[in-house]
Structures are given as C-alpha cells and as structure tokens.
C-alpha cells in the first residue's frame, strides 16, 4: 500500500535503540522507552501560508530525524508500525 501524508505531515519509521549501552548494561524490553529517532519514509506537499503560497518542508524522505517523546500519531500499515507527525514536531535532522 502506498501512503502520502497531507500538508506539513511526515511519515516516520522508528529506529530501534541498541540493546547494549555503554558499560555493557543490557536493558530488558519491558524497561525500554520508545525511541525518539526515526527515518522519514514520506512527506506531504507542504504547508499553505497566510498569503496562500505553499511553503515546502525542510525534511525529505530518507532523512534521519529526532522528534519529541509524545509527538505524532501511531499507525499500523501492512503489519509495520509508523508515526505520522507534523514537521513542527521534528526537533533535528541527523547528518
């Protein structure tokens, strides 16, 4: 199934955190928090400004991003979990 977010929304796949942290501590699955890092899968066309002109997004498909802990809405598509969030919820692009 193909999906394209609308306006200033982006579709993100969460990147899993590594199990072993510095110092060799292994964190069990029940104690893990959801990762705040993800890969952009698809982006919308952009936001419409007050003057009626379309403002393009700064993020693009393939970017690795950091986003807020409780940002966006979780969706399940073809048995994979994704997150749909607004561009304003993106904290940084990782390079």
PDB file of N, CA and C in Angstrom:
ATOM      1  N   UNK A   1       0.843  -1.174   0.000  1.00  0.00           N
ATOM      2  CA  UNK A   1       0.000   0.000   0.000  1.00  0.00           C
ATOM      3  C   UNK A   1       0.892   1.243   0.000  1.00  0.00           C
ATOM      4  N   UNK A   2       0.552   2.214  -0.821  1.00  0.00           N
ATOM      5  CA  UNK A   2       1.281   3.478  -0.844  1.00  0.00           C
ATOM      6  C   UNK A   2       0.543   4.478   0.031  1.00  0.00           C
ATOM      7  N   UNK A   3       1.314   5.322   0.694  1.00  0.00           N
ATOM      8  CA  UNK A   3       0.707   6.344   1.552  1.00  0.00           C
ATOM      9  C   UNK A   3       1.485   7.640   1.369  1.00  0.00           C
ATOM     10  N   UNK A   4       0.759   8.741   1.278  1.00  0.00           N
ATOM     11  CA  UNK A   4       1.369  10.065   1.172  1.00  0.00           C
ATOM     12  C   UNK A   4       0.698  10.967   2.185  1.00  0.00           C
ATOM     13  N   UNK A   5       1.455  11.458   3.158  1.00  0.00           N
ATOM     14  CA  UNK A   5       0.878  12.369   4.159  1.00  0.00           C
ATOM     15  C   UNK A   5       0.420  13.676   3.507  1.00  0.00           C
ATOM     16  N   UNK A   6      -0.529  14.325   4.140  1.00  0.00           N
ATOM     17  CA  UNK A   6      -1.056  15.590   3.631  1.00  0.00           C
ATOM     18  C   UNK A   6      -0.363  16.781   4.275  1.00  0.00           C
ATOM     19  N   UNK A   7      -0.315  17.871   3.550  1.00  0.00           N
ATOM     20  CA  UNK A   7       0.176  19.170   4.001  1.00  0.00           C
ATOM     21  C   UNK A   7       1.569  19.097   4.640  1.00  0.00           C
ATOM     22  N   UNK A   8       1.701  19.462   5.924  1.00  0.00           N
ATOM     23  CA  UNK A   8       3.021  19.514   6.563  1.00  0.00           C
ATOM     24  C   UNK A   8       3.280  18.291   7.433  1.00  0.00           C
ATOM     25  N   UNK A   9       2.635  17.192   7.130  1.00  0.00           N
ATOM     26  CA  UNK A   9       2.833  15.970   7.920  1.00  0.00           C
ATOM     27  C   UNK A   9       3.873  15.069   7.265  1.00  0.00           C
ATOM     28  N   UNK A  10       4.529  14.249   8.106  1.00  0.00           N
ATOM     29  CA  UNK A  10       5.529  13.320   7.602  1.00  0.00           C
ATOM     30  C   UNK A  10       5.282  11.932   8.196  1.00  0.00           C
ATOM     31  N   UNK A  11       5.643  10.906   7.443  1.00  0.00           N
ATOM     32  CA  UNK A  11       5.522   9.521   7.879  1.00  0.00           C
ATOM     33  C   UNK A  11       6.905   9.043   8.294  1.00  0.00           C
ATOM     34  N   UNK A  12       7.017   8.553   9.530  1.00  0.00           N
ATOM     35  CA  UNK A  12       8.315   8.199  10.114  1.00  0.00           C
ATOM     36  C   UNK A  12       8.296   6.753  10.587  1.00  0.00           C
ATOM     37  N   UNK A  13       9.384   6.049  10.340  1.00  0.00           N
ATOM     38  CA  UNK A  13       9.581   4.714  10.896  1.00  0.00           C
ATOM     39  C   UNK A  13      10.579   4.849  12.037  1.00  0.00           C
ATOM     40  N   UNK A  14      10.186   4.396  13.225  1.00  0.00           N
ATOM     41  CA  UNK A  14      11.084   4.498  14.383  1.00  0.00           C
ATOM     42  C   UNK A  14      12.301   3.606  14.179  1.00  0.00           C
ATOM     43  N   UNK A  15      13.476   4.104  14.584  1.00  0.00           N
ATOM     44  CA  UNK A  15      14.695   3.311  14.559  1.00  0.00           C
ATOM     45  C   UNK A  15      14.878   2.699  15.933  1.00  0.00           C
ATOM     46  N   UNK A  16      15.139   1.426  15.976  1.00  0.00           N
ATOM     47  CA  UNK A  16      15.283   0.715  17.246  1.00  0.00           C
ATOM     48  C   UNK A  16      16.595   1.079  17.923  1.00  0.00           C
ATOM     49  N   UNK A  17      16.534   1.228  19.239  1.00  0.00           N
ATOM     50  CA  UNK A  17      17.735   1.512  20.012  1.00  0.00           C
ATOM     51  C   UNK A  17      18.526   0.230  20.184  1.00  0.00           C
ATOM     52  N   UNK A  18      19.826   0.377  20.369  1.00  0.00           N
ATOM     53  CA  UNK A  18      20.664  -0.783  20.597  1.00  0.00           C
ATOM     54  C   UNK A  18      20.388  -1.341  21.986  1.00  0.00           C
ATOM     55  N   UNK A  19      20.497  -2.678  22.117  1.00  0.00           N
ATOM     56  CA  UNK A  19      20.207  -3.313  23.404  1.00  0.00           C
ATOM     57  C   UNK A  19      21.287  -3.066  24.438  1.00  0.00           C
ATOM     58  N   UNK A  20      22.534  -3.001  24.009  1.00  0.00           N
ATOM     59  CA  UNK A  20      23.631  -2.843  24.960  1.00  0.00           C
ATOM     60  C   UNK A  20      24.062  -1.388  24.980  1.00  0.00           C
ATOM     61  N   UNK A  21      24.085  -0.798  26.148  1.00  0.00           N
ATOM     62  CA  UNK A  21      24.505   0.592  26.334  1.00  0.00           C
ATOM     63  C   UNK A  21      25.977   0.636  26.698  1.00  0.00           C
ATOM     64  N   UNK A  22      26.491   1.838  26.864  1.00  0.00           N
ATOM     65  CA  UNK A  22      27.863   1.990  27.333  1.00  0.00           C
ATOM     66  C   UNK A  22      28.013   1.315  28.678  1.00  0.00           C
ATOM     67  N   UNK A  23      29.098   0.654  28.869  1.00  0.00           N
ATOM     68  CA  UNK A  23      29.326  -0.044  30.126  1.00  0.00           C
ATOM     69  C   UNK A  23      28.811  -1.472  30.092  1.00  0.00           C
ATOM     70  N   UNK A  24      28.223  -1.889  28.965  1.00  0.00           N
ATOM     71  CA  UNK A  24      27.771  -3.268  28.817  1.00  0.00           C
ATOM     72  C   UNK A  24      26.466  -3.599  29.492  1.00  0.00           C
ATOM     73  N   UNK A  25      25.688  -2.608  29.903  1.00  0.00           N
ATOM     74  CA  UNK A  25      24.405  -2.867  30.570  1.00  0.00           C
ATOM     75  C   UNK A  25      23.367  -3.229  29.509  1.00  0.00           C
ATOM     76  N   UNK A  26      22.687  -4.351  29.710  1.00  0.00           N
ATOM     77  CA  UNK A  26      21.635  -4.781  28.792  1.00  0.00           C
ATOM     78  C   UNK A  26      20.291  -4.402  29.405  1.00  0.00           C
ATOM     79  N   UNK A  27      19.480  -3.687  28.631  1.00  0.00           N
ATOM     80  CA  UNK A  27      18.178  -3.225  29.115  1.00  0.00           C
ATOM     81  C   UNK A  27      17.094  -4.173  28.595  1.00  0.00           C
ATOM     82  N   UNK A  28      16.277  -4.748  29.474  1.00  0.00           N
ATOM     83  CA  UNK A  28      15.212  -5.642  29.006  1.00  0.00           C
ATOM     84  C   UNK A  28      14.141  -4.879  28.234  1.00  0.00           C
ATOM     85  N   UNK A  29      13.415  -5.606  27.370  1.00  0.00           N
ATOM     86  CA  UNK A  29      12.383  -4.983  26.535  1.00  0.00           C
ATOM     87  C   UNK A  29      11.318  -4.258  27.347  1.00  0.00           C
ATOM     88  N   UNK A  30      10.976  -4.773  28.513  1.00  0.00           N
ATOM     89  CA  UNK A  30       9.908  -4.166  29.315  1.00  0.00           C
ATOM     90  C   UNK A  30      10.314  -2.822  29.895  1.00  0.00           C
ATOM     91  N   UNK A  31      11.611  -2.560  30.026  1.00  0.00           N
ATOM     92  CA  UNK A  31      12.082  -1.312  30.619  1.00  0.00           C
ATOM     93  C   UNK A  31      12.473  -0.272  29.576  1.00  0.00           C
ATOM     94  N   UNK A  32      12.440  -0.655  28.313  1.00  0.00           N
ATOM     95  CA  UNK A  32      12.852   0.265  27.248  1.00  0.00           C
ATOM     96  C   UNK A  32      11.776   1.309  26.974  1.00  0.00           C
ATOM     97  N   UNK A  33      12.227   2.503  26.654  1.00  0.00           N
ATOM     98  CA  UNK A  33      11.314   3.543  26.198  1.00  0.00           C
ATOM     99  C   UNK A  33      11.288   3.507  24.679  1.00  0.00           C
ATOM    100  N   UNK A  34      10.236   4.056  24.099  1.00  0.00           N
ATOM    101  CA  UNK A  34      10.175   4.111  22.649  1.00  0.00           C
ATOM    102  C   UNK A  34      11.243   5.073  22.149  1.00  0.00           C
ATOM    103  N   UNK A  35      11.915   4.712  21.069  1.00  0.00           N
ATOM    104  CA  UNK A  35      12.978   5.586  20.561  1.00  0.00           C
ATOM    105  C   UNK A  35      12.421   6.901  20.026  1.00  0.00           C
ATOM    106  N   UNK A  36      13.232   7.939  20.117  1.00  0.00           N
ATOM    107  CA  UNK A  36      12.848   9.259  19.629  1.00  0.00           C
ATOM    108  C   UNK A  36      13.603   9.592  18.348  1.00  0.00           C
ATOM    109  N   UNK A  37      14.130   8.571  17.713  1.00  0.00           N
ATOM    110  CA  UNK A  37      14.885   8.741  16.480  1.00  0.00           C
ATOM    111  C   UNK A  37      14.172   7.931  15.404  1.00  0.00           C
ATOM    112  N   UNK A  38      14.110   8.481  14.187  1.00  0.00           N
ATOM    113  CA  UNK A  38      13.412   7.765  13.135  1.00  0.00           C
ATOM    114  C   UNK A  38      13.906   8.139  11.756  1.00  0.00           C
ATOM    115  N   UNK A  39      13.411   7.389  10.786  1.00  0.00           N
ATOM    116  CA  UNK A  39      13.740   7.626   9.386  1.00  0.00           C
ATOM    117  C   UNK A  39      12.476   8.085   8.673  1.00  0.00           C
ATOM    118  N   UNK A  40      12.583   9.173   7.924  1.00  0.00           N
ATOM    119  CA  UNK A  40      11.435   9.717   7.195  1.00  0.00           C
ATOM    120  C   UNK A  40      11.164   8.834   5.987  1.00  0.00           C
ATOM    121  N   UNK A  41       9.935   8.318   5.890  1.00  0.00           N
ATOM    122  CA  UNK A  41       9.534   7.456   4.785  1.00  0.00           C
ATOM    123  C   UNK A  41       8.859   8.271   3.681  1.00  0.00           C
ATOM    124  N   UNK A  42       7.979   9.187   4.057  1.00  0.00           N
ATOM    125  CA  UNK A  42       7.248  10.009   3.082  1.00  0.00           C
ATOM    126  C   UNK A  42       6.925  11.358   3.700  1.00  0.00           C
ATOM    127  N   UNK A  43       6.802  12.374   2.850  1.00  0.00           N
ATOM    128  CA  UNK A  43       6.467  13.729   3.318  1.00  0.00           C
ATOM    129  C   UNK A  43       5.304  14.281   2.509  1.00  0.00           C
ATOM    130  N   UNK A  44       4.580  15.209   3.112  1.00  0.00           N
ATOM    131  CA  UNK A  44       3.487  15.889   2.421  1.00  0.00           C
ATOM    132  C   UNK A  44       4.022  16.958   1.468  1.00  0.00           C
ATOM    133  N   UNK A  45       3.106  17.642   0.783  1.00  0.00           N
ATOM    134  CA  UNK A  45       3.489  18.664  -0.200  1.00  0.00           C
ATOM    135  C   UNK A  45       3.933  19.967   0.422  1.00  0.00           C
ATOM    136  N   UNK A  46       3.560  20.225   1.648  1.00  0.00           N
ATOM    137  CA  UNK A  46       3.942  21.468   2.299  1.00  0.00           C
ATOM    138  C   UNK A  46       2.744  22.177   2.890  1.00  0.00           C
ATOM    139  N   UNK A  47       3.044  23.164   3.701  1.00  0.00           N
ATOM    140  CA  UNK A  47       2.019  23.925   4.409  1.00  0.00           C
ATOM    141  C   UNK A  47       1.644  25.155   3.584  1.00  0.00           C
ATOM    142  N   UNK A  48       0.380  25.533   3.648  1.00  0.00           N
ATOM    143  CA  UNK A  48      -0.079  26.729   2.947  1.00  0.00           C
ATOM    144  C   UNK A  48       0.001  27.898   3.921  1.00  0.00           C
ATOM    145  N   UNK A  49       0.745  28.936   3.527  1.00  0.00           N
ATOM    146  CA  UNK A  49       0.924  30.105   4.383  1.00  0.00           C
ATOM    147  C   UNK A  49      -0.286  31.016   4.377  1.00  0.00           C
ATOM    148  N   UNK A  50      -0.214  32.083   5.178  1.00  0.00           N
ATOM    149  CA  UNK A  50      -1.317  33.046   5.270  1.00  0.00           C
ATOM    150  C   UNK A  50      -1.587  33.754   3.949  1.00  0.00           C
ATOM    151  N   UNK A  51      -0.546  33.891   3.130  1.00  0.00           N
ATOM    152  CA  UNK A  51      -0.700  34.570   1.835  1.00  0.00           C
ATOM    153  C   UNK A  51      -1.177  33.625   0.733  1.00  0.00           C
ATOM    154  N   UNK A  52      -1.412  32.337   1.065  1.00  0.00           N
ATOM    155  CA  UNK A  52      -1.912  31.377   0.093  1.00  0.00           C
ATOM    156  C   UNK A  52      -0.826  30.624  -0.652  1.00  0.00           C
ATOM    157  N   UNK A  53       0.429  30.957  -0.402  1.00  0.00           N
ATOM    158  CA  UNK A  53       1.530  30.272  -1.081  1.00  0.00           C
ATOM    159  C   UNK A  53       1.934  29.032  -0.292  1.00  0.00           C
ATOM    160  N   UNK A  54       2.355  28.005  -1.016  1.00  0.00           N
ATOM    161  CA  UNK A  54       2.768  26.754  -0.385  1.00  0.00           C
ATOM    162  C   UNK A  54       4.200  26.868   0.117  1.00  0.00           C
ATOM    163  N   UNK A  55       4.431  26.482   1.368  1.00  0.00           N
ATOM    164  CA  UNK A  55       5.756  26.526   1.978  1.00  0.00           C
ATOM    165  C   UNK A  55       6.302  25.094   1.988  1.00  0.00           C
ATOM    166  N   UNK A  56       7.391  24.816   1.248  1.00  0.00           N
ATOM    167  CA  UNK A  56       7.920  23.442   1.215  1.00  0.00           C
ATOM    168  C   UNK A  56       8.516  23.029   2.560  1.00  0.00           C
ATOM    169  N   UNK A  57       8.580  21.712   2.799  1.00  0.00           N
ATOM    170  CA  UNK A  57       9.112  21.190   4.045  1.00  0.00           C
ATOM    171  C   UNK A  57      10.639  21.151   4.014  1.00  0.00           C
ATOM    172  N   UNK A  58      11.254  21.259   5.200  1.00  0.00           N
ATOM    173  CA  UNK A  58      12.709  21.176   5.312  1.00  0.00           C
ATOM    174  C   UNK A  58      13.198  19.737   5.310  1.00  0.00           C
ATOM    175  N   UNK A  59      12.358  18.801   5.723  1.00  0.00           N
ATOM    176  CA  UNK A  59      12.754  17.394   5.748  1.00  0.00           C
ATOM    177  C   UNK A  59      12.334  16.722   4.448  1.00  0.00           C
ATOM    178  N   UNK A  60      13.043  15.655   4.099  1.00  0.00           N
ATOM    179  CA  UNK A  60      12.712  14.905   2.890  1.00  0.00           C
ATOM    180  C   UNK A  60      12.800  13.413   3.189  1.00  0.00           C
ATOM    181  N   UNK A  61      12.245  12.609   2.322  1.00  0.00           N
ATOM    182  CA  UNK A  61      12.271  11.157   2.511  1.00  0.00           C
ATOM    183  C   UNK A  61      13.722  10.682   2.592  1.00  0.00           C
ATOM    184  N   UNK A  62      13.991   9.807   3.545  1.00  0.00           N
ATOM    185  CA  UNK A  62      15.338   9.276   3.738  1.00  0.00           C
ATOM    186  C   UNK A  62      16.118   9.943   4.856  1.00  0.00           C
ATOM    187  N   UNK A  63      15.673  11.114   5.332  1.00  0.00           N
ATOM    188  CA  UNK A  63      16.356  11.816   6.429  1.00  0.00           C
ATOM    189  C   UNK A  63      16.192  11.058   7.740  1.00  0.00           C
ATOM    190  N   UNK A  64      17.242  11.096   8.583  1.00  0.00           N
ATOM    191  CA  UNK A  64      17.137  10.593   9.959  1.00  0.00           C
ATOM    192  C   UNK A  64      16.838  11.790  10.832  1.00  0.00           C
ATOM    193  N   UNK A  65      15.829  11.660  11.703  1.00  0.00           N
ATOM    194  CA  UNK A  65      15.386  12.803  12.497  1.00  0.00           C
ATOM    195  C   UNK A  65      15.267  12.433  13.974  1.00  0.00           C
ATOM    196  N   UNK A  66      15.238  13.472  14.805  1.00  0.00           N
ATOM    197  CA  UNK A  66      14.878  13.353  16.214  1.00  0.00           C
ATOM    198  C   UNK A  66      13.542  14.050  16.386  1.00  0.00           C
ATOM    199  N   UNK A  67      12.647  13.441  17.160  1.00  0.00           N
ATOM    200  CA  UNK A  67      11.334  14.049  17.377  1.00  0.00           C
ATOM    201  C   UNK A  67      10.969  13.961  18.845  1.00  0.00           C
ATOM    202  N   UNK A  68       9.965  14.721  19.250  1.00  0.00           N
ATOM    203  CA  UNK A  68       9.532  14.765  20.635  1.00  0.00           C
ATOM    204  C   UNK A  68       9.007  13.422  21.120  1.00  0.00           C
ATOM    205  N   UNK A  69       9.126  13.196  22.399  1.00  0.00           N
ATOM    206  CA  UNK A  69       8.771  11.910  23.013  1.00  0.00           C
ATOM    207  C   UNK A  69       7.312  11.524  22.779  1.00  0.00           C
ATOM    208  N   UNK A  70       6.403  12.467  22.910  1.00  0.00           N
ATOM    209  CA  UNK A  70       4.979  12.158  22.785  1.00  0.00           C
ATOM    210  C   UNK A  70       4.372  12.765  21.518  1.00  0.00           C
ATOM    211  N   UNK A  71       5.163  12.917  20.480  1.00  0.00           N
ATOM    212  CA  UNK A  71       4.713  13.545  19.247  1.00  0.00           C
ATOM    213  C   UNK A  71       4.011  12.554  18.329  1.00  0.00           C
ATOM    214  N   UNK A  72       3.103  13.078  17.536  1.00  0.00           N
ATOM    215  CA  UNK A  72       2.505  12.318  16.452  1.00  0.00           C
ATOM    216  C   UNK A  72       1.471  11.280  16.849  1.00  0.00           C
ATOM    217  N   UNK A  73       1.013  10.577  15.821  1.00  0.00           N
ATOM    218  CA  UNK A  73       0.011   9.516  15.974  1.00  0.00           C
ATOM    219  C   UNK A  73       0.583   8.227  15.405  1.00  0.00           C
ATOM    220  N   UNK A  74       0.449   7.152  16.163  1.00  0.00           N
ATOM    221  CA  UNK A  74       0.945   5.863  15.695  1.00  0.00           C
ATOM    222  C   UNK A  74      -0.078   5.236  14.765  1.00  0.00           C
ATOM    223  N   UNK A  75       0.405   4.678  13.645  1.00  0.00           N
ATOM    224  CA  UNK A  75      -0.444   3.975  12.686  1.00  0.00           C
ATOM    225  C   UNK A  75       0.222   2.658  12.319  1.00  0.00           C
ATOM    226  N   UNK A  76      -0.592   1.694  11.927  1.00  0.00           N
ATOM    227  CA  UNK A  76      -0.072   0.395  11.513  1.00  0.00           C
ATOM    228  C   UNK A  76      -0.467   0.179  10.060  1.00  0.00           C
ATOM    229  N   UNK A  77       0.528  -0.005   9.196  1.00  0.00           N
ATOM    230  CA  UNK A  77       0.291  -0.197   7.771  1.00  0.00           C
ATOM    231  C   UNK A  77       1.047  -1.448   7.336  1.00  0.00           C
ATOM    232  N   UNK A  78       0.325  -2.401   6.761  1.00  0.00           N
ATOM    233  CA  UNK A  78       0.937  -3.661   6.312  1.00  0.00           C
ATOM    234  C   UNK A  78       1.778  -4.297   7.409  1.00  0.00           C
ATOM    235  N   UNK A  79       1.240  -4.381   8.620  1.00  0.00           N
ATOM    236  CA  UNK A  79       1.883  -5.011   9.783  1.00  0.00           C
ATOM    237  C   UNK A  79       3.173  -4.329  10.224  1.00  0.00           C
ATOM    238  N   UNK A  80       3.401  -3.095   9.818  1.00  0.00           N
ATOM    239  CA  UNK A  80       4.542  -2.309  10.300  1.00  0.00           C
ATOM    240  C   UNK A  80       3.999  -1.077  11.003  1.00  0.00           C
ATOM    241  N   UNK A  81       4.664  -0.692  12.097  1.00  0.00           N
ATOM    242  CA  UNK A  81       4.221   0.485  12.842  1.00  0.00           C
ATOM    243  C   UNK A  81       4.975   1.727  12.377  1.00  0.00           C
ATOM    244  N   UNK A  82       4.227   2.786  12.146  1.00  0.00           N
ATOM    245  CA  UNK A  82       4.778   4.066  11.721  1.00  0.00           C
ATOM    246  C   UNK A  82       4.237   5.156  12.627  1.00  0.00           C
ATOM    247  N   UNK A  83       4.776   6.337  12.446  1.00  0.00           N
ATOM    248  CA  UNK A  83       4.351   7.502  13.195  1.00  0.00           C
ATOM    249  C   UNK A  83       4.082   8.614  12.189  1.00  0.00           C
ATOM    250  N   UNK A  84       2.920   9.260  12.287  1.00  0.00           N
ATOM    251  CA  UNK A  84       2.626  10.422  11.452  1.00  0.00           C
ATOM    252  C   UNK A  84       2.685  11.639  12.359  1.00  0.00           C
ATOM    253  N   UNK A  85       3.562  12.590  11.993  1.00  0.00           N
ATOM    254  CA  UNK A  85       3.683  13.794  12.807  1.00  0.00           C
ATOM    255  C   UNK A  85       3.854  15.021  11.932  1.00  0.00           C
ATOM    256  N   UNK A  86       3.632  16.166  12.526  1.00  0.00           N
ATOM    257  CA  UNK A  86       3.799  17.431  11.810  1.00  0.00           C
ATOM    258  C   UNK A  86       5.275  17.799  11.772  1.00  0.00           C
ATOM    259  N   UNK A  87       5.646  18.586  10.800  1.00  0.00           N
ATOM    260  CA  UNK A  87       7.035  18.989  10.681  1.00  0.00           C
ATOM    261  C   UNK A  87       7.496  19.775  11.914  1.00  0.00           C
ATOM    262  N   UNK A  88       6.610  20.516  12.540  1.00  0.00           N
ATOM    263  CA  UNK A  88       6.976  21.308  13.713  1.00  0.00           C
ATOM    264  C   UNK A  88       7.353  20.430  14.914  1.00  0.00           C
ATOM    265  N   UNK A  89       6.965  19.118  14.888  1.00  0.00           N
ATOM    266  CA  UNK A  89       7.335  18.196  15.956  1.00  0.00           C
ATOM    267  C   UNK A  89       8.742  17.636  15.791  1.00  0.00           C
ATOM    268  N   UNK A  90       9.367  17.875  14.643  1.00  0.00           N
ATOM    269  CA  UNK A  90      10.728  17.416  14.400  1.00  0.00           C
ATOM    270  C   UNK A  90      11.686  18.363  15.116  1.00  0.00           C
ATOM    271  N   UNK A  91      12.543  17.790  15.951  1.00  0.00           N
ATOM    272  CA  UNK A  91      13.495  18.603  16.721  1.00  0.00           C
ATOM    273  C   UNK A  91      14.790  18.852  15.951  1.00  0.00           C
ATOM    274  N   UNK A  92      15.250  17.844  15.181  1.00  0.00           N
ATOM    275  CA  UNK A  92      16.514  17.983  14.455  1.00  0.00           C
ATOM    276  C   UNK A  92      16.611  16.938  13.356  1.00  0.00           C
ATOM    277  N   UNK A  93      17.431  17.250  12.349  1.00  0.00           N
ATOM    278  CA  UNK A  93      17.782  16.293  11.300  1.00  0.00           C
ATOM    279  C   UNK A  93      19.204  15.828  11.600  1.00  0.00           C
ATOM    280  N   UNK A  94      19.395  14.499  11.665  1.00  0.00           N
ATOM    281  CA  UNK A  94      20.717  13.940  11.950  1.00  0.00           C
ATOM    282  C   UNK A  94      21.486  13.778  10.641  1.00  0.00           C
ATOM    283  N   UNK A  95      22.714  14.257  10.622  1.00  0.00           N
ATOM    284  CA  UNK A  95      23.534  14.161   9.404  1.00  0.00           C
ATOM    285  C   UNK A  95      24.726  13.291   9.627  1.00  0.00           C
TER     286      UNK A  95
END
